N, C-alpha and C. Protein backbone atom coordinates (compact mmCIF):
# COMPACT_ATOMS: atom_id res chain seq x y z
N UNK A 1 -56.52 168.58 34.85
CA UNK A 1 -56.90 168.13 33.56
C UNK A 1 -58.38 168.47 33.36
N UNK A 2 -58.64 168.95 32.20
CA UNK A 2 -59.98 169.40 31.90
C UNK A 2 -60.60 168.49 30.83
N UNK A 3 -61.78 167.91 31.13
CA UNK A 3 -62.49 167.08 30.18
C UNK A 3 -63.55 167.90 29.46
N UNK A 4 -63.69 167.63 28.16
CA UNK A 4 -64.74 168.39 27.46
C UNK A 4 -66.11 167.90 27.90
N UNK A 5 -66.95 168.77 28.18
CA UNK A 5 -68.31 168.42 28.55
C UNK A 5 -69.28 169.15 27.64
N UNK A 6 -70.44 168.67 27.63
CA UNK A 6 -71.44 169.29 26.78
C UNK A 6 -72.05 168.26 25.84
N UNK A 7 -72.92 168.75 25.02
CA UNK A 7 -73.61 167.87 24.08
C UNK A 7 -72.72 167.51 22.90
N UNK A 8 -72.98 166.33 22.41
CA UNK A 8 -72.28 165.92 21.22
C UNK A 8 -72.82 166.73 20.05
N UNK A 9 -71.94 167.14 19.20
CA UNK A 9 -72.38 167.93 18.05
C UNK A 9 -73.06 167.01 17.05
N UNK A 10 -74.19 167.42 16.60
CA UNK A 10 -74.95 166.62 15.64
C UNK A 10 -74.49 166.95 14.23
N UNK A 11 -74.40 165.90 13.44
CA UNK A 11 -74.05 166.09 12.04
C UNK A 11 -75.31 166.50 11.29
N UNK A 12 -75.12 167.11 10.14
CA UNK A 12 -76.26 167.61 9.37
C UNK A 12 -77.08 166.50 8.74
N UNK A 13 -76.48 165.34 8.49
CA UNK A 13 -77.21 164.26 7.81
C UNK A 13 -77.70 163.18 8.76
N UNK A 14 -77.68 163.39 10.06
CA UNK A 14 -78.18 162.39 11.01
C UNK A 14 -79.68 162.14 10.85
N UNK A 15 -80.41 163.11 10.41
CA UNK A 15 -81.86 162.94 10.27
C UNK A 15 -82.22 162.16 9.00
N UNK A 16 -81.27 161.87 8.12
CA UNK A 16 -81.55 161.13 6.89
C UNK A 16 -81.54 159.61 7.10
N UNK A 17 -80.88 159.13 8.12
CA UNK A 17 -80.75 157.69 8.33
C UNK A 17 -82.12 157.02 8.55
N UNK A 18 -83.01 157.56 9.39
CA UNK A 18 -84.34 156.93 9.50
C UNK A 18 -85.13 156.97 8.18
N UNK A 19 -84.95 158.03 7.41
CA UNK A 19 -85.64 158.13 6.13
C UNK A 19 -85.14 157.06 5.16
N UNK A 20 -83.85 156.83 5.12
CA UNK A 20 -83.29 155.79 4.26
C UNK A 20 -83.80 154.42 4.68
N UNK A 21 -83.90 154.17 5.98
CA UNK A 21 -84.43 152.89 6.47
C UNK A 21 -85.86 152.67 6.02
N UNK A 22 -86.68 153.71 6.09
CA UNK A 22 -88.08 153.60 5.67
C UNK A 22 -88.16 153.34 4.17
N UNK A 23 -87.34 154.00 3.37
CA UNK A 23 -87.36 153.81 1.92
C UNK A 23 -86.96 152.38 1.57
N UNK A 24 -85.95 151.84 2.21
CA UNK A 24 -85.55 150.46 1.95
C UNK A 24 -86.63 149.47 2.36
N UNK A 25 -87.29 149.70 3.48
CA UNK A 25 -88.38 148.82 3.89
C UNK A 25 -89.53 148.87 2.89
N UNK A 26 -89.85 150.05 2.38
CA UNK A 26 -90.91 150.16 1.38
C UNK A 26 -90.50 149.45 0.09
N UNK A 27 -89.25 149.58 -0.31
CA UNK A 27 -88.76 148.92 -1.51
C UNK A 27 -88.89 147.41 -1.38
N UNK A 28 -88.49 146.86 -0.26
CA UNK A 28 -88.59 145.42 -0.04
C UNK A 28 -90.05 144.99 -0.03
N UNK A 29 -90.92 145.77 0.60
CA UNK A 29 -92.33 145.45 0.67
C UNK A 29 -92.95 145.37 -0.73
N UNK A 30 -92.69 146.37 -1.56
CA UNK A 30 -93.27 146.37 -2.90
C UNK A 30 -92.65 145.31 -3.81
N UNK A 31 -91.41 144.95 -3.59
CA UNK A 31 -90.80 143.88 -4.37
C UNK A 31 -91.43 142.53 -4.03
N UNK A 32 -91.80 142.35 -2.77
CA UNK A 32 -92.36 141.07 -2.34
C UNK A 32 -93.81 140.92 -2.82
N UNK A 33 -94.63 141.97 -2.69
CA UNK A 33 -96.05 141.82 -3.02
C UNK A 33 -96.39 142.18 -4.44
N UNK A 34 -95.51 142.86 -5.14
CA UNK A 34 -95.83 143.32 -6.49
C UNK A 34 -95.68 142.23 -7.53
N UNK A 35 -96.41 142.40 -8.64
CA UNK A 35 -96.31 141.49 -9.78
C UNK A 35 -95.89 142.31 -10.98
N UNK A 36 -95.01 141.76 -11.78
CA UNK A 36 -94.58 142.44 -12.99
C UNK A 36 -95.60 142.22 -14.10
N UNK A 37 -96.09 141.01 -14.24
CA UNK A 37 -97.07 140.68 -15.28
C UNK A 37 -98.19 139.88 -14.63
N UNK A 38 -99.42 140.07 -15.10
CA UNK A 38 -100.51 139.28 -14.53
C UNK A 38 -100.35 137.81 -14.91
N UNK A 39 -100.81 136.91 -14.05
CA UNK A 39 -100.67 135.48 -14.35
C UNK A 39 -101.65 135.06 -15.44
N UNK A 40 -101.35 133.94 -16.08
CA UNK A 40 -102.25 133.38 -17.09
C UNK A 40 -103.50 132.85 -16.42
N UNK A 41 -104.52 132.60 -17.23
CA UNK A 41 -105.79 132.10 -16.73
C UNK A 41 -105.62 130.76 -16.03
N UNK A 42 -104.81 129.87 -16.59
CA UNK A 42 -104.47 128.62 -15.94
C UNK A 42 -102.97 128.39 -16.12
N UNK A 43 -102.42 127.56 -15.26
CA UNK A 43 -100.98 127.36 -15.24
C UNK A 43 -100.51 126.58 -16.47
N UNK A 44 -99.54 127.16 -17.16
CA UNK A 44 -98.97 126.54 -18.36
C UNK A 44 -97.46 126.58 -18.25
N UNK A 45 -96.83 125.47 -18.54
CA UNK A 45 -95.38 125.41 -18.59
C UNK A 45 -94.98 125.12 -20.03
N UNK A 46 -94.58 126.15 -20.79
CA UNK A 46 -94.25 125.94 -22.19
C UNK A 46 -93.03 125.05 -22.38
N UNK A 47 -92.87 124.46 -23.57
CA UNK A 47 -91.69 123.65 -23.83
C UNK A 47 -90.43 124.52 -23.90
N UNK A 48 -89.28 123.90 -23.73
CA UNK A 48 -88.00 124.61 -23.73
C UNK A 48 -87.51 124.80 -25.16
N UNK A 49 -86.89 125.95 -25.41
CA UNK A 49 -86.39 126.26 -26.75
C UNK A 49 -85.04 126.94 -26.66
N UNK A 50 -84.27 126.87 -27.72
CA UNK A 50 -82.99 127.56 -27.80
C UNK A 50 -83.13 128.92 -28.48
N UNK A 51 -84.28 129.20 -29.06
CA UNK A 51 -84.52 130.43 -29.80
C UNK A 51 -84.58 131.62 -28.84
N UNK A 52 -84.23 132.79 -29.33
CA UNK A 52 -84.21 133.98 -28.49
C UNK A 52 -85.16 135.06 -29.01
N UNK A 53 -86.16 134.70 -29.80
CA UNK A 53 -87.10 135.70 -30.31
C UNK A 53 -88.00 136.17 -29.19
N UNK A 54 -88.31 137.46 -29.23
CA UNK A 54 -89.20 138.05 -28.23
C UNK A 54 -90.62 138.05 -28.75
N UNK A 55 -91.58 137.98 -27.83
CA UNK A 55 -92.97 138.02 -28.23
C UNK A 55 -93.44 139.47 -28.32
N UNK A 56 -94.43 139.70 -29.14
CA UNK A 56 -94.97 141.04 -29.37
C UNK A 56 -96.20 141.24 -28.50
N UNK A 57 -96.40 142.46 -28.03
CA UNK A 57 -97.57 142.76 -27.21
C UNK A 57 -98.83 142.94 -28.06
N UNK A 58 -98.67 143.11 -29.37
CA UNK A 58 -99.81 143.32 -30.24
C UNK A 58 -100.52 142.02 -30.58
N UNK A 59 -99.88 140.90 -30.37
CA UNK A 59 -100.44 139.62 -30.78
C UNK A 59 -101.54 139.15 -29.83
N UNK A 60 -102.40 138.29 -30.34
CA UNK A 60 -103.45 137.66 -29.55
C UNK A 60 -102.90 136.31 -29.07
N UNK A 61 -103.09 136.00 -27.79
CA UNK A 61 -102.53 134.78 -27.21
C UNK A 61 -103.61 133.74 -26.99
N UNK A 62 -103.33 132.53 -27.45
CA UNK A 62 -104.19 131.37 -27.20
C UNK A 62 -103.47 130.49 -26.18
N UNK A 63 -104.09 130.27 -25.03
CA UNK A 63 -103.53 129.42 -23.99
C UNK A 63 -104.11 128.02 -24.13
N UNK A 64 -103.26 127.01 -24.07
CA UNK A 64 -103.69 125.61 -24.13
C UNK A 64 -103.07 124.88 -22.95
N UNK A 65 -103.90 124.40 -22.04
CA UNK A 65 -103.38 123.70 -20.86
C UNK A 65 -103.13 122.24 -21.18
N UNK A 66 -102.55 121.53 -20.23
CA UNK A 66 -102.21 120.12 -20.46
C UNK A 66 -103.45 119.25 -20.62
N UNK A 67 -104.59 119.67 -20.07
CA UNK A 67 -105.81 118.88 -20.24
C UNK A 67 -106.63 119.33 -21.46
N UNK A 68 -106.11 120.27 -22.24
CA UNK A 68 -106.78 120.70 -23.46
C UNK A 68 -107.69 121.90 -23.29
N UNK A 69 -107.74 122.49 -22.10
CA UNK A 69 -108.54 123.70 -21.89
C UNK A 69 -107.96 124.84 -22.72
N UNK A 70 -108.84 125.67 -23.28
CA UNK A 70 -108.42 126.76 -24.15
C UNK A 70 -108.86 128.10 -23.59
N UNK A 71 -108.08 129.13 -23.91
CA UNK A 71 -108.44 130.50 -23.57
C UNK A 71 -107.85 131.41 -24.64
N UNK A 72 -108.62 132.41 -25.03
CA UNK A 72 -108.15 133.42 -25.98
C UNK A 72 -108.06 134.73 -25.21
N UNK A 73 -106.85 135.24 -25.04
CA UNK A 73 -106.60 136.45 -24.26
C UNK A 73 -107.32 136.40 -22.91
N UNK A 74 -107.09 135.34 -22.16
CA UNK A 74 -107.62 135.11 -20.81
C UNK A 74 -109.14 134.98 -20.76
N UNK A 75 -109.77 134.65 -21.87
CA UNK A 75 -111.20 134.35 -21.89
C UNK A 75 -111.36 132.87 -22.23
N UNK A 76 -111.93 132.08 -21.32
CA UNK A 76 -112.07 130.64 -21.60
C UNK A 76 -112.99 130.40 -22.81
N UNK A 77 -112.56 129.48 -23.68
CA UNK A 77 -113.35 129.11 -24.86
C UNK A 77 -113.27 127.59 -25.02
N UNK A 78 -114.15 127.07 -25.84
CA UNK A 78 -114.10 125.65 -26.19
C UNK A 78 -113.47 125.53 -27.58
N UNK A 79 -113.21 124.32 -28.00
CA UNK A 79 -112.62 124.10 -29.31
C UNK A 79 -113.55 124.57 -30.43
N UNK A 80 -114.85 124.44 -30.20
CA UNK A 80 -115.84 124.87 -31.20
C UNK A 80 -115.94 126.39 -31.30
N UNK A 81 -115.76 127.10 -30.18
CA UNK A 81 -115.89 128.56 -30.19
C UNK A 81 -114.54 129.26 -30.30
N UNK A 82 -113.47 128.50 -30.55
CA UNK A 82 -112.13 129.08 -30.63
C UNK A 82 -112.01 130.09 -31.77
N UNK A 83 -112.42 129.72 -32.97
CA UNK A 83 -112.22 130.57 -34.15
C UNK A 83 -113.03 131.87 -34.05
N UNK A 84 -114.34 131.83 -33.71
CA UNK A 84 -115.06 133.12 -33.58
C UNK A 84 -114.47 134.04 -32.50
N UNK A 85 -114.08 133.46 -31.36
CA UNK A 85 -113.48 134.28 -30.29
C UNK A 85 -112.13 134.84 -30.73
N UNK A 86 -111.38 134.05 -31.48
CA UNK A 86 -110.08 134.50 -31.97
C UNK A 86 -110.25 135.64 -32.98
N UNK A 87 -111.20 135.51 -33.89
CA UNK A 87 -111.42 136.56 -34.89
C UNK A 87 -111.85 137.86 -34.21
N UNK A 88 -112.68 137.77 -33.18
CA UNK A 88 -113.11 138.96 -32.43
C UNK A 88 -111.91 139.62 -31.74
N UNK A 89 -111.06 138.82 -31.12
CA UNK A 89 -109.87 139.37 -30.45
C UNK A 89 -108.90 139.98 -31.45
N UNK A 90 -108.73 139.33 -32.61
CA UNK A 90 -107.84 139.87 -33.64
C UNK A 90 -108.37 141.20 -34.17
N UNK A 91 -109.68 141.29 -34.40
CA UNK A 91 -110.26 142.55 -34.88
C UNK A 91 -110.08 143.66 -33.85
N UNK A 92 -110.28 143.34 -32.57
CA UNK A 92 -110.08 144.35 -31.51
C UNK A 92 -108.63 144.79 -31.43
N UNK A 93 -107.70 143.83 -31.53
CA UNK A 93 -106.27 144.17 -31.45
C UNK A 93 -105.85 145.03 -32.64
N UNK A 94 -106.35 144.70 -33.82
CA UNK A 94 -106.00 145.48 -35.01
C UNK A 94 -106.57 146.89 -34.93
N UNK A 95 -107.77 147.02 -34.37
CA UNK A 95 -108.38 148.33 -34.22
C UNK A 95 -107.61 149.19 -33.20
N UNK A 96 -107.18 148.58 -32.11
CA UNK A 96 -106.47 149.32 -31.06
C UNK A 96 -105.07 149.74 -31.51
N UNK A 97 -104.32 148.82 -32.11
CA UNK A 97 -102.94 149.12 -32.48
C UNK A 97 -102.82 149.72 -33.87
N UNK A 98 -103.86 149.66 -34.64
CA UNK A 98 -103.81 150.23 -35.97
C UNK A 98 -102.85 149.52 -36.89
N UNK A 99 -102.87 148.23 -36.91
CA UNK A 99 -101.96 147.46 -37.77
C UNK A 99 -102.35 146.01 -37.79
N UNK A 100 -101.37 145.20 -37.98
CA UNK A 100 -101.62 143.77 -38.02
C UNK A 100 -101.31 143.15 -36.67
N UNK A 101 -102.13 142.21 -36.28
CA UNK A 101 -101.92 141.48 -35.03
C UNK A 101 -101.73 140.01 -35.38
N UNK A 102 -100.76 139.39 -34.76
CA UNK A 102 -100.50 137.98 -35.00
C UNK A 102 -101.14 137.11 -33.95
N UNK A 103 -100.89 135.83 -34.08
CA UNK A 103 -101.44 134.85 -33.14
C UNK A 103 -100.28 134.13 -32.47
N UNK A 104 -100.34 134.07 -31.14
CA UNK A 104 -99.36 133.32 -30.35
C UNK A 104 -100.09 132.16 -29.68
N UNK A 105 -99.50 131.00 -29.73
CA UNK A 105 -100.06 129.83 -29.04
C UNK A 105 -99.10 129.50 -27.90
N UNK A 106 -99.62 129.55 -26.69
CA UNK A 106 -98.83 129.21 -25.51
C UNK A 106 -99.39 127.90 -24.97
N UNK A 107 -98.75 126.80 -25.35
CA UNK A 107 -99.23 125.46 -25.00
C UNK A 107 -98.35 124.86 -23.92
N UNK A 108 -98.95 124.04 -23.09
CA UNK A 108 -98.21 123.35 -22.04
C UNK A 108 -97.30 122.30 -22.66
N UNK A 109 -96.15 122.08 -22.05
CA UNK A 109 -95.18 121.11 -22.57
C UNK A 109 -95.71 119.68 -22.48
N UNK A 110 -96.64 119.41 -21.58
CA UNK A 110 -97.18 118.07 -21.42
C UNK A 110 -98.30 117.77 -22.42
N UNK A 111 -98.70 118.76 -23.21
CA UNK A 111 -99.74 118.56 -24.22
C UNK A 111 -99.21 117.66 -25.33
N UNK A 112 -100.04 116.73 -25.79
CA UNK A 112 -99.58 115.83 -26.84
C UNK A 112 -99.55 116.56 -28.18
N UNK A 113 -98.73 116.05 -29.09
CA UNK A 113 -98.62 116.66 -30.42
C UNK A 113 -99.94 116.57 -31.17
N UNK A 114 -100.68 115.49 -30.98
CA UNK A 114 -101.97 115.34 -31.65
C UNK A 114 -102.98 116.40 -31.23
N UNK A 115 -103.02 116.70 -29.92
CA UNK A 115 -103.93 117.74 -29.43
C UNK A 115 -103.54 119.11 -30.00
N UNK A 116 -102.24 119.39 -30.02
CA UNK A 116 -101.78 120.68 -30.54
C UNK A 116 -102.03 120.78 -32.04
N UNK A 117 -101.84 119.68 -32.76
CA UNK A 117 -102.06 119.70 -34.21
C UNK A 117 -103.53 119.95 -34.56
N UNK A 118 -104.45 119.44 -33.77
CA UNK A 118 -105.87 119.68 -34.06
C UNK A 118 -106.21 121.17 -33.90
N UNK A 119 -105.59 121.81 -32.93
CA UNK A 119 -105.81 123.25 -32.74
C UNK A 119 -105.16 124.04 -33.88
N UNK A 120 -103.93 123.68 -34.24
CA UNK A 120 -103.24 124.38 -35.32
C UNK A 120 -103.94 124.16 -36.66
N UNK A 121 -104.53 122.99 -36.87
CA UNK A 121 -105.27 122.72 -38.11
C UNK A 121 -106.50 123.61 -38.19
N UNK A 122 -107.21 123.77 -37.09
CA UNK A 122 -108.37 124.68 -37.07
C UNK A 122 -107.95 126.11 -37.38
N UNK A 123 -106.81 126.53 -36.84
CA UNK A 123 -106.33 127.89 -37.12
C UNK A 123 -105.98 128.04 -38.60
N UNK A 124 -105.34 127.04 -39.18
CA UNK A 124 -104.97 127.10 -40.59
C UNK A 124 -106.21 127.10 -41.48
N UNK A 125 -107.19 126.24 -41.15
CA UNK A 125 -108.41 126.16 -41.94
C UNK A 125 -109.24 127.44 -41.88
N UNK A 126 -109.07 128.21 -40.81
CA UNK A 126 -109.82 129.47 -40.70
C UNK A 126 -109.14 130.62 -41.44
N UNK A 127 -107.97 130.36 -42.02
CA UNK A 127 -107.29 131.40 -42.79
C UNK A 127 -106.18 132.11 -42.04
N UNK A 128 -105.87 131.67 -40.85
CA UNK A 128 -104.79 132.26 -40.07
C UNK A 128 -103.52 131.45 -40.31
N UNK A 129 -102.69 131.95 -41.20
CA UNK A 129 -101.51 131.19 -41.61
C UNK A 129 -100.32 131.42 -40.69
N UNK A 130 -100.18 132.64 -40.14
CA UNK A 130 -99.00 132.95 -39.34
C UNK A 130 -99.33 132.79 -37.85
N UNK A 131 -98.78 131.73 -37.27
CA UNK A 131 -99.00 131.43 -35.86
C UNK A 131 -97.65 131.18 -35.22
N UNK A 132 -97.42 131.78 -34.05
CA UNK A 132 -96.16 131.57 -33.32
C UNK A 132 -96.43 130.68 -32.11
N UNK A 133 -95.59 129.69 -31.93
CA UNK A 133 -95.66 128.82 -30.77
C UNK A 133 -94.67 129.33 -29.74
N UNK A 134 -95.16 129.76 -28.59
CA UNK A 134 -94.28 130.30 -27.54
C UNK A 134 -93.60 129.17 -26.81
N UNK A 135 -92.33 129.37 -26.51
CA UNK A 135 -91.53 128.40 -25.76
C UNK A 135 -90.79 129.11 -24.65
N UNK A 136 -90.23 128.35 -23.75
CA UNK A 136 -89.48 128.85 -22.61
C UNK A 136 -87.99 128.78 -22.94
N UNK A 137 -87.26 129.84 -22.69
CA UNK A 137 -85.83 129.84 -22.96
C UNK A 137 -85.10 128.98 -21.93
N UNK A 138 -84.14 128.22 -22.39
CA UNK A 138 -83.37 127.33 -21.52
C UNK A 138 -82.38 128.07 -20.66
N UNK A 139 -82.08 129.29 -20.99
CA UNK A 139 -81.05 130.04 -20.25
C UNK A 139 -81.52 130.62 -18.97
């Protein structure tokens, strides 16, 4: 009886297996350390909503934390300097996009209605009538 001896024949795709392993490891690495969107200046948990409207990238965002801290497009402001900083950001956004830019208010869910109303009243008094309140989808 004769046994076959010699080297095992190599398949043509044997050299691809280590490459696939490296690609998967890189994919996992970048998924773990990567960020899709930069975080807000301070942590805000918006209220829950059933609406499904999407936010626009052209709009200027006003962040309002639960303690009443304010930021316009990630620049900290006070209640007194809110309107001038907002007008500057709106002018810059309109110049960059070549159109109209709206205002989005991203307020924390723990913020009282009175605090939010004082901010919205200042926005209305400054001539900014169209303001969107961002909420978190329940789904």
